[in-house]
Amino acid sequence: MTLLKEQQAQNLRLIRRKEVQAKTGYGPSSIYAEMAKGRFPKPVVLSERRVAWIESEVNEWIAERIASRNASIAMMEVKP
């Protein structure tokens, strides 16, 4: 498999709630509450009782949290 195909496959990997919880540190209630507020990626419906999240979207959400934290730290360091 070429690198591009591997990257595309990684971007489309679906992960279930337990893996989302492990990646984010959120519990189920927090995940669904943040989704309801529009602050967390919505899942893909797999069947009547199953959903999964696109891993790359969850990773992007995590990266945004880290970037926000780093920006806050940088602003605190600039202030005299």
Protein backbone atom coordinates (compact mmCIF):
# COMPACT_ATOMS: atom_id res chain seq x y z
CA MET A 1 0.00 0.00 0.00
CA THR A 2 1.40 3.39 -0.90
CA LEU A 3 1.82 6.12 1.68
CA LEU A 4 -1.05 8.14 0.18
CA LYS A 5 -3.43 5.20 0.37
CA GLU A 6 -2.34 4.51 3.96
CA GLN A 7 -3.03 8.15 4.86
CA GLN A 8 -6.44 8.04 3.17
CA ALA A 9 -7.31 4.82 4.99
CA GLN A 10 -6.22 6.35 8.29
CA ASN A 11 -8.35 9.44 7.64
CA LEU A 12 -11.40 7.24 7.09
CA ARG A 13 -10.90 4.88 10.02
CA LEU A 14 -14.00 4.62 12.20
CA ILE A 15 -13.62 4.30 15.95
CA ARG A 16 -16.20 3.30 18.50
CA ARG A 17 -17.13 5.23 21.64
CA LYS A 18 -14.72 3.44 23.98
CA GLU A 19 -11.79 4.41 21.79
CA VAL A 20 -13.09 8.00 21.59
CA GLN A 21 -13.25 8.01 25.38
CA ALA A 22 -9.70 6.68 25.64
CA LYS A 23 -8.38 9.30 23.20
CA THR A 24 -10.20 12.28 24.75
CA GLY A 25 -10.53 11.41 28.41
CA TYR A 26 -14.25 12.21 28.14
CA GLY A 27 -16.95 9.93 29.46
CA PRO A 28 -20.05 9.07 27.42
CA SER A 29 -22.17 11.87 28.90
CA SER A 30 -19.53 14.50 28.15
CA ILE A 31 -19.10 13.28 24.58
CA TYR A 32 -22.83 13.52 23.87
CA ALA A 33 -23.20 16.84 25.73
CA GLU A 34 -20.39 18.41 23.69
CA MET A 35 -21.90 17.03 20.48
CA ALA A 36 -25.26 18.59 21.39
CA LYS A 37 -23.51 21.96 21.83
CA GLY A 38 -21.78 21.56 18.47
CA ARG A 39 -18.33 21.38 20.07
CA PHE A 40 -17.47 17.77 19.29
CA PRO A 41 -17.55 15.77 16.04
CA LYS A 42 -20.78 13.97 15.28
CA PRO A 43 -20.70 10.20 14.75
CA VAL A 44 -21.48 8.21 11.63
CA VAL A 45 -24.54 5.97 11.98
CA LEU A 46 -23.53 2.38 11.23
CA SER A 47 -26.84 0.71 12.04
CA GLU A 48 -29.93 1.27 14.13
CA ARG A 49 -27.99 0.96 17.40
CA ARG A 50 -24.38 1.54 16.39
CA VAL A 51 -22.39 4.67 15.73
CA ALA A 52 -18.70 5.41 15.25
CA TRP A 53 -16.59 8.52 14.89
CA ILE A 54 -14.17 9.34 12.10
CA GLU A 55 -10.80 9.07 13.79
CA SER A 56 -9.26 11.98 11.88
CA GLU A 57 -12.06 14.29 13.08
CA VAL A 58 -11.48 13.27 16.69
CA ASN A 59 -7.73 13.75 16.23
CA GLU A 60 -8.37 17.21 14.76
CA TRP A 61 -10.56 18.09 17.76
CA ILE A 62 -7.75 17.02 20.09
CA ALA A 63 -5.20 19.05 18.09
CA GLU A 64 -7.45 22.12 18.34
CA ARG A 65 -7.59 21.76 22.14
CA ILE A 66 -3.79 21.53 22.28
CA ALA A 67 -3.36 24.54 19.99
CA SER A 68 -5.76 26.56 22.14
CA ARG A 69 -3.83 25.63 25.27
CA ASN A 70 -0.51 26.52 23.63
CA ALA A 71 -1.89 29.89 22.50
CA SER A 72 -3.07 30.64 26.03
CA ILE A 73 0.35 29.75 27.45
CA ALA A 74 2.09 31.91 24.86
CA MET A 75 -0.15 34.89 25.70
CA MET A 76 0.59 34.48 29.40
CA GLU A 77 4.34 34.45 28.71
CA VAL A 78 4.14 37.68 26.67
CA LYS A 79 2.39 39.70 29.40
CA PRO A 80 4.83 41.53 31.72
